[in-house]
Full PDB file with SEQRES, HELIX, SHEET, SSBOND, CRYST1, ORIGX, SCALE, CONECT and MASTER records, all heavy atoms in Angstrom:
SEQRES   1 A   31  ARG ALA SER VAL PRO LEU HIS PHE LEU ASN GLU ASP LYS          
SEQRES   2 A   31  SER PRO ALA GLY LYS SER ALA GLU VAL VAL VAL THR HIS          
SEQRES   3 A   31  GLU LEU ASN GLU VAL                                          
HELIX    1 AA1 PRO A   15  LYS A   18  1                                   4    
CRYST1    1.000    1.000    1.000  90.00  90.00  90.00 P 1           1          
ORIGX1      1.000000  0.000000  0.000000        0.00000                         
ORIGX2      0.000000  1.000000  0.000000        0.00000                         
ORIGX3      0.000000  0.000000  1.000000        0.00000                         
SCALE1      1.000000  0.000000  0.000000        0.00000                         
SCALE2      0.000000  1.000000  0.000000        0.00000                         
SCALE3      0.000000  0.000000  1.000000        0.00000                         
ATOM      1  N   ARG A   1     -21.149 -20.943 -27.224  1.00  0.00           N  
ATOM      2  CA  ARG A   1     -20.054 -21.189 -26.261  1.00  0.00           C  
ATOM      3  C   ARG A   1     -18.708 -21.032 -26.900  1.00  0.00           C  
ATOM      4  O   ARG A   1     -18.612 -21.631 -28.044  1.00  0.00           O  
ATOM      5  CB  ARG A   1     -20.253 -22.488 -25.594  1.00  0.00           C  
ATOM      6  CG  ARG A   1     -21.416 -22.649 -24.656  1.00  0.00           C  
ATOM      7  CD  ARG A   1     -21.260 -23.840 -23.699  1.00  0.00           C  
ATOM      8  NE  ARG A   1     -22.310 -23.953 -22.830  1.00  0.00           N  
ATOM      9  CZ  ARG A   1     -22.262 -24.744 -21.758  1.00  0.00           C  
ATOM     10  NH1 ARG A   1     -21.218 -25.498 -21.447  1.00  0.00           N  
ATOM     11  NH2 ARG A   1     -23.242 -24.886 -20.994  1.00  0.00           N  
ATOM     12  N   ALA A   2     -17.751 -20.457 -26.262  1.00  0.00           N  
ATOM     13  CA  ALA A   2     -16.419 -20.284 -26.874  1.00  0.00           C  
ATOM     14  C   ALA A   2     -15.400 -20.124 -25.870  1.00  0.00           C  
ATOM     15  O   ALA A   2     -15.698 -19.744 -24.691  1.00  0.00           O  
ATOM     16  CB  ALA A   2     -16.430 -19.052 -27.752  1.00  0.00           C  
ATOM     17  N   SER A   3     -14.237 -20.557 -26.101  1.00  0.00           N  
ATOM     18  CA  SER A   3     -13.124 -20.345 -25.153  1.00  0.00           C  
ATOM     19  C   SER A   3     -12.465 -19.051 -25.434  1.00  0.00           C  
ATOM     20  O   SER A   3     -12.176 -18.708 -26.712  1.00  0.00           O  
ATOM     21  CB  SER A   3     -12.006 -21.460 -25.285  1.00  0.00           C  
ATOM     22  OG  SER A   3     -12.512 -22.702 -24.879  1.00  0.00           O  
ATOM     23  N   VAL A   4     -12.247 -18.147 -24.393  1.00  0.00           N  
ATOM     24  CA  VAL A   4     -11.700 -16.864 -24.551  1.00  0.00           C  
ATOM     25  C   VAL A   4     -10.449 -16.728 -23.632  1.00  0.00           C  
ATOM     26  O   VAL A   4     -10.463 -17.107 -22.458  1.00  0.00           O  
ATOM     27  CB  VAL A   4     -12.721 -15.854 -24.038  1.00  0.00           C  
ATOM     28  CG1 VAL A   4     -12.230 -14.389 -24.111  1.00  0.00           C  
ATOM     29  CG2 VAL A   4     -13.979 -15.967 -24.920  1.00  0.00           C  
ATOM     30  N   PRO A   5      -9.429 -16.192 -24.099  1.00  0.00           N  
ATOM     31  CA  PRO A   5      -8.101 -15.916 -23.369  1.00  0.00           C  
ATOM     32  C   PRO A   5      -8.366 -14.972 -22.245  1.00  0.00           C  
ATOM     33  O   PRO A   5      -9.060 -14.027 -22.363  1.00  0.00           O  
ATOM     34  CB  PRO A   5      -7.054 -15.458 -24.399  1.00  0.00           C  
ATOM     35  CG  PRO A   5      -7.910 -14.886 -25.550  1.00  0.00           C  
ATOM     36  CD  PRO A   5      -9.177 -15.601 -25.523  1.00  0.00           C  
ATOM     37  N   LEU A   6      -7.642 -15.129 -21.179  1.00  0.00           N  
ATOM     38  CA  LEU A   6      -7.489 -14.193 -20.092  1.00  0.00           C  
ATOM     39  C   LEU A   6      -6.232 -13.265 -20.253  1.00  0.00           C  
ATOM     40  O   LEU A   6      -5.290 -13.739 -20.490  1.00  0.00           O  
ATOM     41  CB  LEU A   6      -7.441 -14.939 -18.726  1.00  0.00           C  
ATOM     42  CG  LEU A   6      -8.671 -15.798 -18.396  1.00  0.00           C  
ATOM     43  CD1 LEU A   6      -8.389 -16.549 -17.190  1.00  0.00           C  
ATOM     44  CD2 LEU A   6      -9.914 -14.952 -18.312  1.00  0.00           C  
ATOM     45  N   HIS A   7      -6.478 -12.004 -20.180  1.00  0.00           N  
ATOM     46  CA  HIS A   7      -5.324 -10.986 -20.029  1.00  0.00           C  
ATOM     47  C   HIS A   7      -5.255 -10.495 -18.570  1.00  0.00           C  
ATOM     48  O   HIS A   7      -6.032  -9.850 -18.097  1.00  0.00           O  
ATOM     49  CB  HIS A   7      -5.646  -9.933 -21.022  1.00  0.00           C  
ATOM     50  CG  HIS A   7      -5.474 -10.295 -22.413  1.00  0.00           C  
ATOM     51  ND1 HIS A   7      -5.446  -9.375 -23.456  1.00  0.00           N  
ATOM     52  CD2 HIS A   7      -5.276 -11.483 -22.999  1.00  0.00           C  
ATOM     53  CE1 HIS A   7      -5.312  -9.979 -24.632  1.00  0.00           C  
ATOM     54  NE2 HIS A   7      -5.205 -11.298 -24.467  1.00  0.00           N  
ATOM     55  N   PHE A   8      -4.015 -10.783 -18.025  1.00  0.00           N  
ATOM     56  CA  PHE A   8      -3.710 -10.445 -16.633  1.00  0.00           C  
ATOM     57  C   PHE A   8      -3.114  -8.937 -16.685  1.00  0.00           C  
ATOM     58  O   PHE A   8      -2.087  -8.814 -17.252  1.00  0.00           O  
ATOM     59  CB  PHE A   8      -2.879 -11.502 -15.906  1.00  0.00           C  
ATOM     60  CG  PHE A   8      -3.633 -12.731 -15.999  1.00  0.00           C  
ATOM     61  CD1 PHE A   8      -3.158 -13.626 -16.872  1.00  0.00           C  
ATOM     62  CD2 PHE A   8      -4.492 -13.097 -14.920  1.00  0.00           C  
ATOM     63  CE1 PHE A   8      -3.862 -15.037 -16.839  1.00  0.00           C  
ATOM     64  CE2 PHE A   8      -5.161 -14.265 -14.957  1.00  0.00           C  
ATOM     65  CZ  PHE A   8      -4.859 -15.263 -15.971  1.00  0.00           C  
ATOM     66  N   LEU A   9      -3.757  -8.062 -15.848  1.00  0.00           N  
ATOM     67  CA  LEU A   9      -3.283  -6.624 -15.813  1.00  0.00           C  
ATOM     68  C   LEU A   9      -2.646  -6.360 -14.384  1.00  0.00           C  
ATOM     69  O   LEU A   9      -3.065  -6.741 -13.484  1.00  0.00           O  
ATOM     70  CB  LEU A   9      -4.398  -5.742 -16.151  1.00  0.00           C  
ATOM     71  CG  LEU A   9      -5.102  -5.961 -17.522  1.00  0.00           C  
ATOM     72  CD1 LEU A   9      -6.202  -4.920 -17.626  1.00  0.00           C  
ATOM     73  CD2 LEU A   9      -4.255  -5.860 -18.685  1.00  0.00           C  
ATOM     74  N   ASN A  10      -1.728  -5.433 -14.403  1.00  0.00           N  
ATOM     75  CA  ASN A  10      -1.153  -4.791 -13.220  1.00  0.00           C  
ATOM     76  C   ASN A  10      -0.587  -5.828 -12.207  1.00  0.00           C  
ATOM     77  O   ASN A  10      -0.465  -5.395 -10.979  1.00  0.00           O  
ATOM     78  CB  ASN A  10      -2.326  -3.990 -12.452  1.00  0.00           C  
ATOM     79  CG  ASN A  10      -2.805  -2.983 -13.426  1.00  0.00           C  
ATOM     80  OD1 ASN A  10      -2.045  -2.267 -14.146  1.00  0.00           O  
ATOM     81  ND2 ASN A  10      -4.119  -2.761 -13.484  1.00  0.00           N  
ATOM     82  N   GLU A  11      -0.121  -6.944 -12.640  1.00  0.00           N  
ATOM     83  CA  GLU A  11       0.480  -7.847 -11.681  1.00  0.00           C  
ATOM     84  C   GLU A  11       1.722  -7.328 -11.040  1.00  0.00           C  
ATOM     85  O   GLU A  11       1.905  -7.422  -9.831  1.00  0.00           O  
ATOM     86  CB  GLU A  11       0.772  -9.203 -12.381  1.00  0.00           C  
ATOM     87  CG  GLU A  11       1.511 -10.309 -11.421  1.00  0.00           C  
ATOM     88  CD  GLU A  11       1.665 -11.600 -12.147  1.00  0.00           C  
ATOM     89  OE1 GLU A  11       0.813 -11.972 -13.011  1.00  0.00           O  
ATOM     90  OE2 GLU A  11       2.734 -12.204 -11.783  1.00  0.00           O  
ATOM     91  N   ASP A  12       2.529  -6.620 -11.881  1.00  0.00           N  
ATOM     92  CA  ASP A  12       3.819  -6.087 -11.419  1.00  0.00           C  
ATOM     93  C   ASP A  12       3.563  -4.883 -10.407  1.00  0.00           C  
ATOM     94  O   ASP A  12       4.517  -4.505  -9.761  1.00  0.00           O  
ATOM     95  CB  ASP A  12       4.629  -5.708 -12.570  1.00  0.00           C  
ATOM     96  CG  ASP A  12       4.005  -4.676 -13.498  1.00  0.00           C  
ATOM     97  OD1 ASP A  12       2.805  -4.545 -13.591  1.00  0.00           O  
ATOM     98  OD2 ASP A  12       4.813  -3.840 -14.209  1.00  0.00           O  
ATOM     99  N   LYS A  13       2.435  -4.284 -10.437  1.00  0.00           N  
ATOM    100  CA  LYS A  13       2.089  -3.111  -9.645  1.00  0.00           C  
ATOM    101  C   LYS A  13       1.449  -3.640  -8.323  1.00  0.00           C  
ATOM    102  O   LYS A  13       1.195  -2.845  -7.401  1.00  0.00           O  
ATOM    103  CB  LYS A  13       1.188  -2.107 -10.376  1.00  0.00           C  
ATOM    104  CG  LYS A  13       1.852  -1.521 -11.636  1.00  0.00           C  
ATOM    105  CD  LYS A  13       0.893  -0.667 -12.278  1.00  0.00           C  
ATOM    106  CE  LYS A  13       1.433  -0.112 -13.686  1.00  0.00           C  
ATOM    107  NZ  LYS A  13       0.592   0.817 -14.365  1.00  0.00           N  
ATOM    108  N   SER A  14       1.135  -4.782  -8.152  1.00  0.00           N  
ATOM    109  CA  SER A  14       0.355  -5.336  -7.084  1.00  0.00           C  
ATOM    110  C   SER A  14       1.330  -5.619  -5.818  1.00  0.00           C  
ATOM    111  O   SER A  14       2.560  -5.737  -6.057  1.00  0.00           O  
ATOM    112  CB  SER A  14      -0.396  -6.486  -7.418  1.00  0.00           C  
ATOM    113  OG  SER A  14       0.537  -7.679  -7.651  1.00  0.00           O  
ATOM    114  N   PRO A  15       0.708  -5.602  -4.631  1.00  0.00           N  
ATOM    115  CA  PRO A  15       1.574  -6.082  -3.484  1.00  0.00           C  
ATOM    116  C   PRO A  15       2.270  -7.312  -3.588  1.00  0.00           C  
ATOM    117  O   PRO A  15       3.500  -7.494  -3.389  1.00  0.00           O  
ATOM    118  CB  PRO A  15       0.666  -6.065  -2.247  1.00  0.00           C  
ATOM    119  CG  PRO A  15      -0.358  -5.107  -2.719  1.00  0.00           C  
ATOM    120  CD  PRO A  15      -0.537  -5.201  -4.284  1.00  0.00           C  
ATOM    121  N   ALA A  16       1.653  -8.395  -4.219  1.00  0.00           N  
ATOM    122  CA  ALA A  16       2.263  -9.610  -4.519  1.00  0.00           C  
ATOM    123  C   ALA A  16       3.280  -9.442  -5.568  1.00  0.00           C  
ATOM    124  O   ALA A  16       4.320 -10.121  -5.375  1.00  0.00           O  
ATOM    125  CB  ALA A  16       1.201 -10.640  -4.928  1.00  0.00           C  
ATOM    126  N   GLY A  17       2.999  -8.755  -6.592  1.00  0.00           N  
ATOM    127  CA  GLY A  17       3.923  -8.719  -7.696  1.00  0.00           C  
ATOM    128  C   GLY A  17       5.189  -7.977  -7.335  1.00  0.00           C  
ATOM    129  O   GLY A  17       6.273  -8.197  -7.906  1.00  0.00           O  
ATOM    130  N   LYS A  18       5.109  -7.052  -6.404  1.00  0.00           N  
ATOM    131  CA  LYS A  18       6.311  -6.234  -6.014  1.00  0.00           C  
ATOM    132  C   LYS A  18       7.168  -6.987  -5.081  1.00  0.00           C  
ATOM    133  O   LYS A  18       8.337  -6.589  -4.963  1.00  0.00           O  
ATOM    134  CB  LYS A  18       5.784  -4.968  -5.280  1.00  0.00           C  
ATOM    135  CG  LYS A  18       5.195  -3.817  -6.323  1.00  0.00           C  
ATOM    136  CD  LYS A  18       4.695  -2.669  -5.535  1.00  0.00           C  
ATOM    137  CE  LYS A  18       4.033  -1.643  -6.419  1.00  0.00           C  
ATOM    138  NZ  LYS A  18       3.567  -0.535  -5.695  1.00  0.00           N  
ATOM    139  N   SER A  19       6.783  -7.962  -4.475  1.00  0.00           N  
ATOM    140  CA  SER A  19       7.480  -8.714  -3.518  1.00  0.00           C  
ATOM    141  C   SER A  19       8.296  -9.933  -4.235  1.00  0.00           C  
ATOM    142  O   SER A  19       7.701 -10.725  -4.846  1.00  0.00           O  
ATOM    143  CB  SER A  19       6.545  -9.329  -2.408  1.00  0.00           C  
ATOM    144  OG  SER A  19       7.339 -10.122  -1.562  1.00  0.00           O  
ATOM    145  N   ALA A  20       9.566  -9.909  -3.954  1.00  0.00           N  
ATOM    146  CA  ALA A  20      10.446 -10.950  -4.576  1.00  0.00           C  
ATOM    147  C   ALA A  20      10.217 -12.319  -3.844  1.00  0.00           C  
ATOM    148  O   ALA A  20      10.588 -13.358  -4.406  1.00  0.00           O  
ATOM    149  CB  ALA A  20      11.872 -10.525  -4.405  1.00  0.00           C  
ATOM    150  N   GLU A  21       9.506 -12.228  -2.779  1.00  0.00           N  
ATOM    151  CA  GLU A  21       9.273 -13.437  -1.996  1.00  0.00           C  
ATOM    152  C   GLU A  21       7.903 -14.168  -2.265  1.00  0.00           C  
ATOM    153  O   GLU A  21       7.670 -15.177  -1.574  1.00  0.00           O  
ATOM    154  CB  GLU A  21       9.486 -13.230  -0.448  1.00  0.00           C  
ATOM    155  CG  GLU A  21      10.801 -12.685  -0.081  1.00  0.00           C  
ATOM    156  CD  GLU A  21      10.918 -12.377   1.420  1.00  0.00           C  
ATOM    157  OE1 GLU A  21       9.773 -12.364   2.086  1.00  0.00           O  
ATOM    158  OE2 GLU A  21      11.966 -12.217   1.922  1.00  0.00           O  
ATOM    159  N   VAL A  22       7.294 -13.628  -3.154  1.00  0.00           N  
ATOM    160  CA  VAL A  22       5.880 -14.067  -3.495  1.00  0.00           C  
ATOM    161  C   VAL A  22       5.854 -14.651  -4.957  1.00  0.00           C  
ATOM    162  O   VAL A  22       6.452 -14.003  -5.833  1.00  0.00           O  
ATOM    163  CB  VAL A  22       4.800 -12.921  -3.383  1.00  0.00           C  
ATOM    164  CG1 VAL A  22       3.379 -13.578  -3.759  1.00  0.00           C  
ATOM    165  CG2 VAL A  22       4.773 -12.333  -1.975  1.00  0.00           C  
ATOM    166  N   VAL A  23       5.299 -15.924  -5.001  1.00  0.00           N  
ATOM    167  CA  VAL A  23       5.148 -16.524  -6.294  1.00  0.00           C  
ATOM    168  C   VAL A  23       3.676 -16.341  -6.760  1.00  0.00           C  
ATOM    169  O   VAL A  23       2.782 -16.785  -6.025  1.00  0.00           O  
ATOM    170  CB  VAL A  23       5.567 -18.037  -6.149  1.00  0.00           C  
ATOM    171  CG1 VAL A  23       5.292 -18.649  -7.455  1.00  0.00           C  
ATOM    172  CG2 VAL A  23       6.960 -18.161  -5.770  1.00  0.00           C  
ATOM    173  N   VAL A  24       3.497 -15.794  -7.908  1.00  0.00           N  
ATOM    174  CA  VAL A  24       2.123 -15.631  -8.505  1.00  0.00           C  
ATOM    175  C   VAL A  24       1.967 -16.644  -9.689  1.00  0.00           C  
ATOM    176  O   VAL A  24       2.757 -16.553 -10.605  1.00  0.00           O  
ATOM    177  CB  VAL A  24       1.897 -14.267  -9.011  1.00  0.00           C  
ATOM    178  CG1 VAL A  24       0.551 -14.138  -9.597  1.00  0.00           C  
ATOM    179  CG2 VAL A  24       2.140 -13.246  -7.883  1.00  0.00           C  
ATOM    180  N   THR A  25       1.014 -17.509  -9.490  1.00  0.00           N  
ATOM    181  CA  THR A  25       0.785 -18.463 -10.546  1.00  0.00           C  
ATOM    182  C   THR A  25      -0.576 -18.266 -11.352  1.00  0.00           C  
ATOM    183  O   THR A  25      -1.537 -17.977 -10.550  1.00  0.00           O  
ATOM    184  CB  THR A  25       0.861 -19.958 -10.016  1.00  0.00           C  
ATOM    185  OG1 THR A  25      -0.106 -20.138  -8.984  1.00  0.00           O  
ATOM    186  CG2 THR A  25       2.282 -20.265  -9.394  1.00  0.00           C  
ATOM    187  N   HIS A  26      -0.555 -18.480 -12.557  1.00  0.00           N  
ATOM    188  CA  HIS A  26      -1.757 -18.384 -13.301  1.00  0.00           C  
ATOM    189  C   HIS A  26      -2.294 -19.789 -13.689  1.00  0.00           C  
ATOM    190  O   HIS A  26      -1.670 -20.545 -14.365  1.00  0.00           O  
ATOM    191  CB  HIS A  26      -1.523 -17.615 -14.643  1.00  0.00           C  
ATOM    192  CG  HIS A  26      -1.076 -16.266 -14.523  1.00  0.00           C  
ATOM    193  ND1 HIS A  26      -0.538 -15.526 -15.507  1.00  0.00           N  
ATOM    194  CD2 HIS A  26      -0.927 -15.358 -13.398  1.00  0.00           C  
ATOM    195  CE1 HIS A  26      -0.259 -14.287 -15.052  1.00  0.00           C  
ATOM    196  NE2 HIS A  26      -0.456 -14.264 -13.756  1.00  0.00           N  
ATOM    197  N   GLU A  27      -3.331 -20.198 -12.942  1.00  0.00           N  
ATOM    198  CA  GLU A  27      -3.940 -21.563 -13.014  1.00  0.00           C  
ATOM    199  C   GLU A  27      -4.548 -21.747 -14.260  1.00  0.00           C  
ATOM    200  O   GLU A  27      -4.651 -22.819 -14.796  1.00  0.00           O  
ATOM    201  CB  GLU A  27      -4.785 -21.877 -11.808  1.00  0.00           C  
ATOM    202  CG  GLU A  27      -4.098 -21.751 -10.464  1.00  0.00           C  
ATOM    203  CD  GLU A  27      -2.999 -22.818 -10.278  1.00  0.00           C  
ATOM    204  OE1 GLU A  27      -3.192 -23.982 -10.543  1.00  0.00           O  
ATOM    205  OE2 GLU A  27      -1.866 -22.485  -9.894  1.00  0.00           O  
ATOM    206  N   LEU A  28      -5.212 -20.715 -14.779  1.00  0.00           N  
ATOM    207  CA  LEU A  28      -5.965 -20.704 -16.084  1.00  0.00           C  
ATOM    208  C   LEU A  28      -5.536 -19.598 -16.980  1.00  0.00           C  
ATOM    209  O   LEU A  28      -5.215 -18.514 -16.488  1.00  0.00           O  
ATOM    210  CB  LEU A  28      -7.453 -20.619 -15.868  1.00  0.00           C  
ATOM    211  CG  LEU A  28      -8.172 -21.624 -15.093  1.00  0.00           C  
ATOM    212  CD1 LEU A  28      -9.634 -21.286 -14.942  1.00  0.00           C  
ATOM    213  CD2 LEU A  28      -8.053 -23.043 -15.665  1.00  0.00           C  
ATOM    214  N   ASN A  29      -5.363 -19.913 -18.314  1.00  0.00           N  
ATOM    215  CA  ASN A  29      -5.064 -18.802 -19.281  1.00  0.00           C  
ATOM    216  C   ASN A  29      -6.268 -18.506 -20.277  1.00  0.00           C  
ATOM    217  O   ASN A  29      -6.146 -17.565 -20.879  1.00  0.00           O  
ATOM    218  CB  ASN A  29      -3.810 -19.191 -20.092  1.00  0.00           C  
ATOM    219  CG  ASN A  29      -2.556 -19.311 -19.251  1.00  0.00           C  
ATOM    220  OD1 ASN A  29      -2.258 -18.205 -18.527  1.00  0.00           O  
ATOM    221  ND2 ASN A  29      -1.863 -20.371 -19.230  1.00  0.00           N  
ATOM    222  N   GLU A  30      -7.318 -19.323 -20.121  1.00  0.00           N  
ATOM    223  CA  GLU A  30      -8.520 -19.063 -20.889  1.00  0.00           C  
ATOM    224  C   GLU A  30      -9.683 -19.674 -20.111  1.00  0.00           C  
ATOM    225  O   GLU A  30      -9.541 -20.452 -19.173  1.00  0.00           O  
ATOM    226  CB  GLU A  30      -8.377 -19.667 -22.190  1.00  0.00           C  
ATOM    227  CG  GLU A  30      -8.359 -21.187 -22.246  1.00  0.00           C  
ATOM    228  CD  GLU A  30      -8.246 -21.781 -23.680  1.00  0.00           C  
ATOM    229  OE1 GLU A  30      -7.900 -21.018 -24.667  1.00  0.00           O  
ATOM    230  OE2 GLU A  30      -8.616 -22.939 -23.852  1.00  0.00           O  
ATOM    231  N   VAL A  31     -10.852 -19.265 -20.365  1.00  0.00           N  
ATOM    232  CA  VAL A  31     -12.138 -19.722 -19.832  1.00  0.00           C  
ATOM    233  C   VAL A  31     -13.171 -19.930 -20.887  1.00  0.00           C  
ATOM    234  O   VAL A  31     -13.187 -19.228 -21.982  1.00  0.00           O  
ATOM    235  CB  VAL A  31     -12.687 -18.723 -18.803  1.00  0.00           C  
ATOM    236  CG1 VAL A  31     -11.813 -18.621 -17.605  1.00  0.00           C  
ATOM    237  CG2 VAL A  31     -12.866 -17.313 -19.423  1.00  0.00           C  
TER     238      VAL A  31                                                      
MASTER        0    0    0    1    0    0    0    6  237    1    0    3          
END                                                                             
């Protein structure tokens, strides 16, 4: 068992990422 970091891709290209009115939160940075 080990903790591994999460790498988030393409957030800025997503519908949510392109909208200034949407807040995207990363609840976890590793699993």
